[in-house]
Structures are given as structure tokens and as C-alpha cells.
Amino acid sequence: MTTPPNPTLLDPRHTRYFGLIDRLLACPNGEEPEILNAEPDLLDAGLVQTLMQTASYFAHQDNPDVAKFLVFIARELAHQLGLYPQPQT
């Protein structure tokens, strides 16, 4: 579904990222945390970047709902991973 045309050019980690994204897109609403928690070793900045790149692909393919979903997941994950700078108080 989200795998690039030539997956042989990807390293194994990126192949796993795309597999995780496919599972997220196919899972019933509300099961996303369970899907993500099943692969804790993939929850990193690389996954956030891959989610955003995939969202961009879907936005350009006239599929804004999937793009918005992936951006939402990427933002939530980025917050949980502490990738957003914290505001100074």
C-alpha cells in the first residue's frame, strides 16, 4: 500500500517502517496505540520522518484523509518522543 515502487533500495528498517504504516492504515479506529506499542524499537525520529513523507505522498495523490491521519500520528509520536522543543516558562 505505502511501499515505494522499488523496496529493494530501502534498508530493512525503512521496510519495517512502511510495514508498520500499512498496519496503521489497515487497523480499526482506536487500535493505533496497540499497533505502535507492538514495535517499540521502530518508534523513533526515523518513523516520524517516514510518516510525514508518506503523508505528503498521499496528499499529492488526492487522498487528504489518509494524509491527515498520518500527520496526526506523526505529531503525536513526535510529542511522545520529545522531538518538539518544549516552551520556556
Protein backbone atom coordinates (compact mmCIF):
# COMPACT_ATOMS: atom_id res chain seq x y z
CA MET A 1 0.00 0.00 0.00
CA THR A 2 2.64 2.55 1.04
CA THR A 3 5.72 0.62 -0.06
CA PRO A 4 7.73 2.56 -2.64
CA PRO A 5 7.97 1.17 -6.16
CA ASN A 6 11.39 -0.37 -5.55
CA PRO A 7 11.62 -1.57 -1.93
CA THR A 8 14.98 -3.21 -2.63
CA LEU A 9 16.52 0.27 -2.46
CA LEU A 10 15.41 0.62 1.16
CA ASP A 11 17.29 -0.58 4.18
CA PRO A 12 15.49 -3.16 6.34
CA ARG A 13 14.49 -0.54 8.91
CA HIS A 14 12.63 1.55 6.32
CA THR A 15 10.94 -1.56 5.03
CA ARG A 16 9.74 -2.18 8.59
CA TYR A 17 8.56 1.46 8.86
CA PHE A 18 6.42 1.02 5.75
CA GLY A 19 5.04 -2.26 7.09
CA LEU A 20 4.06 -0.50 10.32
CA ILE A 21 2.42 2.33 8.37
CA ASP A 22 0.47 -0.23 6.33
CA ARG A 23 -0.76 -1.85 9.55
CA LEU A 24 -1.78 1.55 10.94
CA LEU A 25 -3.76 2.31 7.80
CA ALA A 26 -5.50 -1.06 7.91
CA CYS A 27 -6.32 -1.24 11.62
CA PRO A 28 -9.72 -0.43 13.11
CA ASN A 29 -10.10 3.06 14.57
CA GLY A 30 -8.70 3.22 18.09
CA GLU A 31 -6.22 0.34 17.74
CA GLU A 32 -3.33 2.56 16.62
CA PRO A 33 -1.64 2.67 20.04
CA GLU A 34 -1.67 -1.13 20.21
CA ILE A 35 -0.12 -1.36 16.73
CA LEU A 36 2.60 1.16 17.63
CA ASN A 37 3.33 -0.39 21.02
CA ALA A 38 3.87 -3.77 19.37
CA GLU A 39 7.01 -2.37 17.64
CA PRO A 40 8.74 -0.20 20.28
CA ASP A 41 12.10 -0.43 18.50
CA LEU A 42 10.61 1.41 15.49
CA LEU A 43 9.27 4.37 17.50
CA ASP A 44 11.89 6.96 16.66
CA ALA A 45 12.56 10.09 14.64
CA GLY A 46 13.00 7.98 11.51
CA LEU A 47 9.44 6.72 11.78
CA VAL A 48 8.14 10.27 12.29
CA GLN A 49 10.01 11.36 9.15
CA THR A 50 8.71 8.38 7.17
CA LEU A 51 5.15 9.07 8.35
CA MET A 52 5.44 12.68 7.14
CA GLN A 53 6.92 11.65 3.78
CA THR A 54 4.14 9.11 3.31
CA ALA A 55 1.54 11.73 4.29
CA SER A 56 2.99 14.05 1.65
CA TYR A 57 2.72 11.27 -0.94
CA PHE A 58 -0.95 10.70 -0.12
CA ALA A 59 -1.69 14.44 -0.13
CA HIS A 60 -0.27 14.65 -3.64
CA GLN A 61 -2.28 11.58 -4.68
CA ASP A 62 -5.54 13.32 -3.75
CA ASN A 63 -6.07 11.33 -0.56
CA PRO A 64 -6.22 14.06 2.11
CA ASP A 65 -7.90 11.90 4.75
CA VAL A 66 -5.03 9.41 4.83
CA ALA A 67 -2.52 12.28 4.76
CA LYS A 68 -4.20 13.97 7.75
CA PHE A 69 -4.30 10.68 9.66
CA LEU A 70 -0.58 10.05 9.12
CA VAL A 71 0.32 13.64 10.09
CA PHE A 72 -1.73 13.24 13.28
CA ILE A 73 0.10 10.00 14.16
CA ALA A 74 3.47 11.62 13.37
CA ARG A 75 2.74 14.64 15.57
CA GLU A 76 1.53 12.55 18.49
CA LEU A 77 4.56 10.29 18.23
CA ALA A 78 6.92 13.26 17.96
CA HIS A 79 5.43 14.75 21.13
CA GLN A 80 5.76 11.44 22.98
CA LEU A 81 9.37 11.07 21.86
CA GLY A 82 10.21 14.63 22.91
CA LEU A 83 11.12 15.71 19.40
CA TYR A 84 9.25 19.02 19.72
CA PRO A 85 11.04 21.75 21.64
CA GLN A 86 9.44 22.46 24.99
CA PRO A 87 8.28 26.06 25.51
CA GLN A 88 10.23 28.01 28.12
CA THR A 89 8.17 29.11 31.12
